Amino acid sequence: MKIKQTILKISTKNNLQFVDLTNEIEKFVSKSKIKFGQLLVYSRHTTLAIRVNEKETGIFNDMEEFLNKLLPKNRYYRHNDLEIRTENLVCSPETEECLNGHSHCRHFLLSTSETIPIQGGTIALGTWQKVMAVELDGPRKREILLQLIGE
């Protein structure tokens, strides 16, 4: 059994953005020489999700509309209320860096990671599937851990 891992570093440009990671993941798996196993794709952030889905503009637009309706940025979030929030503060009332309650709530609906089978040295995605990072609080610099376990 072998274990290989790397960190993918990306920079997002938008507050809500879908970033296709598939090509970088395929290169990592190919270089690993592991033929069969499991690949973990893990976001090291609480406002960056990892999802497998179709890469299609209409779906991205629909998801953005859904998230904006369900959890709009401009509603009240206790996370943003610095009069009551006492945990994990790295900002001040003068900054907006941590006033991102909507992004954290959106992340709870999505996921921190995906596990993908490796078959014959390649990721076993379906015909239209792609592995995407979903930025929920950008623009930001992000790190995604790839961990491959197999033979």
Protein backbone atom coordinates (compact mmCIF):
# COMPACT_ATOMS: atom_id res chain seq x y z
CA MET A 1 0.00 0.00 0.00
CA LYS A 2 1.35 3.42 -1.00
CA ILE A 3 0.32 6.88 0.17
CA LYS A 4 1.03 9.97 -1.94
CA GLN A 5 -0.07 13.51 -1.25
CA THR A 6 0.33 17.04 -2.50
CA ILE A 7 -1.19 20.47 -1.99
CA LEU A 8 -2.89 22.23 -4.90
CA LYS A 9 -2.71 26.00 -4.58
CA ILE A 10 -5.27 28.12 -6.37
CA SER A 11 -6.21 31.80 -6.40
CA THR A 12 -9.86 32.63 -6.94
CA LYS A 13 -11.08 35.85 -8.51
CA ASN A 14 -14.76 36.02 -7.52
CA ASN A 15 -16.86 35.82 -4.37
CA LEU A 16 -18.65 32.73 -5.71
CA GLN A 17 -16.66 30.76 -8.27
CA PHE A 18 -16.42 27.21 -9.62
CA VAL A 19 -12.83 26.09 -10.30
CA ASP A 20 -12.23 22.89 -12.28
CA LEU A 21 -9.45 20.89 -10.56
CA THR A 22 -9.77 17.79 -12.75
CA ASN A 23 -6.69 18.25 -14.97
CA GLU A 24 -4.37 18.94 -12.02
CA ILE A 25 -5.78 15.94 -10.17
CA GLU A 26 -5.30 13.69 -13.21
CA LYS A 27 -1.64 14.77 -13.48
CA PHE A 28 -1.06 14.00 -9.79
CA VAL A 29 -2.65 10.53 -10.07
CA SER A 30 -0.72 9.69 -13.25
CA LYS A 31 2.60 10.76 -11.71
CA SER A 32 1.90 8.68 -8.57
CA LYS A 33 1.97 5.37 -10.52
CA ILE A 34 -0.82 4.10 -8.24
CA LYS A 35 -3.20 1.96 -10.30
CA PHE A 36 -6.02 1.19 -7.85
CA GLY A 37 -7.06 3.02 -4.71
CA GLN A 38 -8.86 6.04 -3.32
CA LEU A 39 -8.17 9.73 -3.80
CA LEU A 40 -9.23 12.24 -1.17
CA VAL A 41 -9.68 15.82 -2.41
CA TYR A 42 -9.91 17.96 0.74
CA SER A 43 -10.38 21.70 1.19
CA ARG A 44 -8.33 23.22 4.00
CA HIS A 45 -10.86 26.07 4.32
CA THR A 46 -14.31 26.51 5.85
CA THR A 47 -15.53 28.63 2.93
CA LEU A 48 -14.22 26.55 0.00
CA ALA A 49 -16.18 23.43 -0.89
CA ILE A 50 -15.15 20.45 -3.02
CA ARG A 51 -17.81 18.91 -5.28
CA VAL A 52 -18.09 16.49 -8.19
CA ASN A 53 -20.59 17.57 -10.81
CA GLU A 54 -20.96 18.53 -14.44
CA LYS A 55 -18.95 21.54 -15.65
CA GLU A 56 -21.70 23.53 -17.31
CA THR A 57 -22.41 27.26 -17.12
CA GLY A 58 -26.17 26.81 -16.67
CA ILE A 59 -25.65 24.62 -13.60
CA PHE A 60 -23.19 27.13 -12.13
CA ASN A 61 -25.65 29.97 -12.71
CA ASP A 62 -28.51 27.96 -11.20
CA MET A 63 -26.43 27.08 -8.13
CA GLU A 64 -25.33 30.68 -7.66
CA GLU A 65 -28.95 31.87 -7.88
CA PHE A 66 -30.06 29.16 -5.43
CA LEU A 67 -27.35 30.02 -2.88
CA ASN A 68 -28.03 33.75 -3.18
CA LYS A 69 -31.76 33.22 -2.57
CA LEU A 70 -31.31 30.72 0.26
CA LEU A 71 -28.43 32.43 2.06
CA PRO A 72 -28.05 36.02 0.83
CA LYS A 73 -24.99 37.99 1.88
CA ASN A 74 -27.02 40.94 3.22
CA ARG A 75 -29.18 39.17 5.81
CA TYR A 76 -28.38 39.01 9.54
CA TYR A 77 -25.87 36.33 10.59
CA ARG A 78 -24.72 35.95 14.21
CA HIS A 79 -21.26 35.14 12.84
CA ASN A 80 -21.10 38.72 11.53
CA ASP A 81 -22.39 40.34 14.74
CA LEU A 82 -19.21 41.42 16.52
CA GLU A 83 -21.28 42.54 19.52
CA ILE A 84 -22.05 38.89 20.36
CA ARG A 85 -19.38 36.88 18.55
CA THR A 86 -16.44 35.97 20.76
CA GLU A 87 -14.83 32.99 19.01
CA ASN A 88 -12.21 32.77 16.25
CA LEU A 89 -11.88 36.52 15.82
CA VAL A 90 -9.06 37.65 13.56
CA CYS A 91 -10.77 40.84 12.49
CA SER A 92 -12.10 44.04 14.00
CA PRO A 93 -15.33 46.01 13.56
CA GLU A 94 -13.45 48.16 11.02
CA THR A 95 -12.77 45.22 8.69
CA GLU A 96 -15.15 42.99 6.78
CA GLU A 97 -12.77 40.02 6.44
CA CYS A 98 -14.63 37.78 8.90
CA LEU A 99 -18.12 39.09 8.18
CA ASN A 100 -18.85 36.08 6.01
CA GLY A 101 -21.62 34.19 7.81
CA HIS A 102 -23.37 33.51 4.51
CA SER A 103 -20.24 31.76 3.18
CA HIS A 104 -19.92 29.47 6.20
CA CYS A 105 -23.63 28.55 6.06
CA ARG A 106 -23.34 27.81 2.34
CA HIS A 107 -20.37 25.54 3.05
CA PHE A 108 -22.46 23.47 5.47
CA LEU A 109 -24.76 22.65 2.51
CA LEU A 110 -21.88 21.58 0.29
CA SER A 111 -18.85 19.59 1.44
CA THR A 112 -15.24 19.86 2.54
CA SER A 113 -14.11 16.86 0.50
CA GLU A 114 -14.78 14.20 -2.11
CA THR A 115 -13.37 10.68 -2.30
CA ILE A 116 -12.85 9.35 -5.81
CA PRO A 117 -11.93 5.78 -6.84
CA ILE A 118 -8.75 5.20 -8.83
CA GLN A 119 -9.05 2.45 -11.47
CA GLY A 120 -6.29 1.57 -13.88
CA GLY A 121 -4.23 4.60 -12.86
CA THR A 122 -6.93 7.17 -13.58
CA ILE A 123 -9.69 8.86 -11.62
CA ALA A 124 -12.93 6.94 -12.15
CA LEU A 125 -15.22 9.85 -12.97
CA GLY A 126 -18.38 9.49 -15.02
CA THR A 127 -18.65 10.88 -18.55
CA TRP A 128 -19.53 14.47 -17.59
CA GLN A 129 -18.13 14.58 -14.06
CA LYS A 130 -15.45 17.05 -13.03
CA VAL A 131 -13.90 17.76 -9.63
CA MET A 132 -14.46 21.36 -8.65
CA ALA A 133 -13.53 23.72 -5.89
CA VAL A 134 -16.46 25.99 -5.07
CA GLU A 135 -15.26 29.34 -3.77
CA LEU A 136 -17.80 30.80 -1.35
CA ASP A 137 -15.90 33.82 0.01
CA GLY A 138 -13.43 35.04 -2.59
CA PRO A 139 -11.30 36.26 -3.99
CA ARG A 140 -8.74 34.32 -1.95
CA LYS A 141 -5.66 32.11 -2.09
CA ARG A 142 -6.63 28.52 -1.32
CA GLU A 143 -5.02 25.16 -0.59
CA ILE A 144 -6.51 21.79 -1.48
CA LEU A 145 -4.97 18.59 -0.12
CA LEU A 146 -4.82 15.61 -2.48
CA GLN A 147 -4.15 12.32 -0.69
CA LEU A 148 -3.95 9.10 -2.69
CA ILE A 149 -3.93 5.67 -1.06
CA GLY A 150 -3.55 2.51 -3.11
CA GLU A 151 -1.34 0.07 -4.99
